[in-house]
Amino acid sequence: MESLIIYPDSPKQYEVLKAFLEEMKIHFSIGWQNVEPKELEQWQKDMLDKRLESIEQGNFKEKKEAHKIFDKCFK
């Protein structure tokens, strides 16, 4: 069976959806509570450190460029 990812737009929608799933006895998880965190690879840590140092020096990237960096780091 496939999984669904649902993005409620408000706290009210969240509560209604949660209550519905509980009432229907449909298994669900909230956020990342069932996902084990993984240790970052050294190259990922190095890339993040480099970018943080760049930010501290006042060198900022456009949002689009930042997304490319994060996508590369977290493939």
Protein backbone atom coordinates (compact mmCIF):
# COMPACT_ATOMS: atom_id res chain seq x y z
CA MET A 1 0.00 0.00 0.00
CA GLU A 2 1.28 3.48 -0.78
CA SER A 3 1.79 6.19 1.82
CA LEU A 4 0.28 9.67 1.82
CA ILE A 5 1.93 12.87 2.90
CA ILE A 6 -0.58 15.52 3.93
CA TYR A 7 0.17 19.21 4.53
CA PRO A 8 -2.61 20.86 6.55
CA ASP A 9 -2.87 24.63 6.15
CA SER A 10 -3.96 25.37 9.69
CA PRO A 11 -3.96 23.93 13.21
CA LYS A 12 -7.69 23.25 12.82
CA GLN A 13 -7.14 21.17 9.66
CA TYR A 14 -4.34 19.30 11.45
CA GLU A 15 -6.56 18.43 14.42
CA VAL A 16 -9.48 17.36 12.20
CA LEU A 17 -7.26 15.14 10.04
CA LYS A 18 -5.59 13.60 13.09
CA ALA A 19 -8.96 12.90 14.74
CA PHE A 20 -10.29 11.38 11.50
CA LEU A 21 -7.30 9.04 11.13
CA GLU A 22 -7.56 7.98 14.76
CA GLU A 23 -11.32 7.37 14.45
CA MET A 24 -10.83 5.31 11.27
CA LYS A 25 -7.99 3.39 12.98
CA ILE A 26 -5.62 4.31 10.13
CA HIS A 27 -1.96 4.00 11.05
CA PHE A 28 -0.10 7.30 10.73
CA SER A 29 3.00 9.02 12.01
CA ILE A 30 3.55 12.67 12.83
CA GLY A 31 6.53 14.48 11.40
CA TRP A 32 9.78 12.57 11.54
CA GLN A 33 9.12 10.74 14.78
CA ASN A 34 9.52 7.29 13.17
CA VAL A 35 12.67 8.15 11.22
CA GLU A 36 16.07 7.37 12.70
CA PRO A 37 18.46 10.31 12.30
CA LYS A 38 21.59 9.54 10.31
CA GLU A 39 25.04 10.91 10.98
CA LEU A 40 26.20 13.26 8.24
CA GLU A 41 29.12 12.18 6.10
CA GLN A 42 32.33 14.14 6.68
CA TRP A 43 32.08 15.85 3.27
CA GLN A 44 28.57 17.05 4.17
CA LYS A 45 29.80 18.49 7.48
CA ASP A 46 32.70 20.18 5.69
CA MET A 47 30.39 21.71 3.07
CA LEU A 48 28.02 23.04 5.73
CA ASP A 49 30.90 24.44 7.79
CA LYS A 50 32.28 26.17 4.70
CA ARG A 51 28.89 27.73 3.92
CA LEU A 52 28.36 28.85 7.52
CA GLU A 53 31.78 30.52 7.55
CA SER A 54 30.85 32.26 4.29
CA ILE A 55 27.61 33.54 5.83
CA GLU A 56 29.50 34.80 8.90
CA GLN A 57 31.73 36.79 6.53
CA GLY A 58 28.65 38.37 4.96
CA ASN A 59 28.61 36.30 1.78
CA PHE A 60 25.02 35.28 1.20
CA LYS A 61 23.56 33.19 -1.61
CA GLU A 62 20.28 33.70 -3.39
CA LYS A 63 17.56 31.27 -2.33
CA LYS A 64 17.84 29.35 -5.61
CA GLU A 65 21.61 28.93 -5.16
CA ALA A 66 21.15 27.85 -1.53
CA HIS A 67 18.71 25.14 -2.65
CA LYS A 68 21.29 23.81 -5.12
CA ILE A 69 23.87 23.59 -2.33
CA PHE A 70 21.50 21.80 0.05
CA ASP A 71 20.33 19.43 -2.70
CA LYS A 72 23.93 18.52 -3.45
CA CYS A 73 24.70 18.01 0.24
CA PHE A 74 21.63 15.92 1.09
CA LYS A 75 21.15 13.71 -1.99
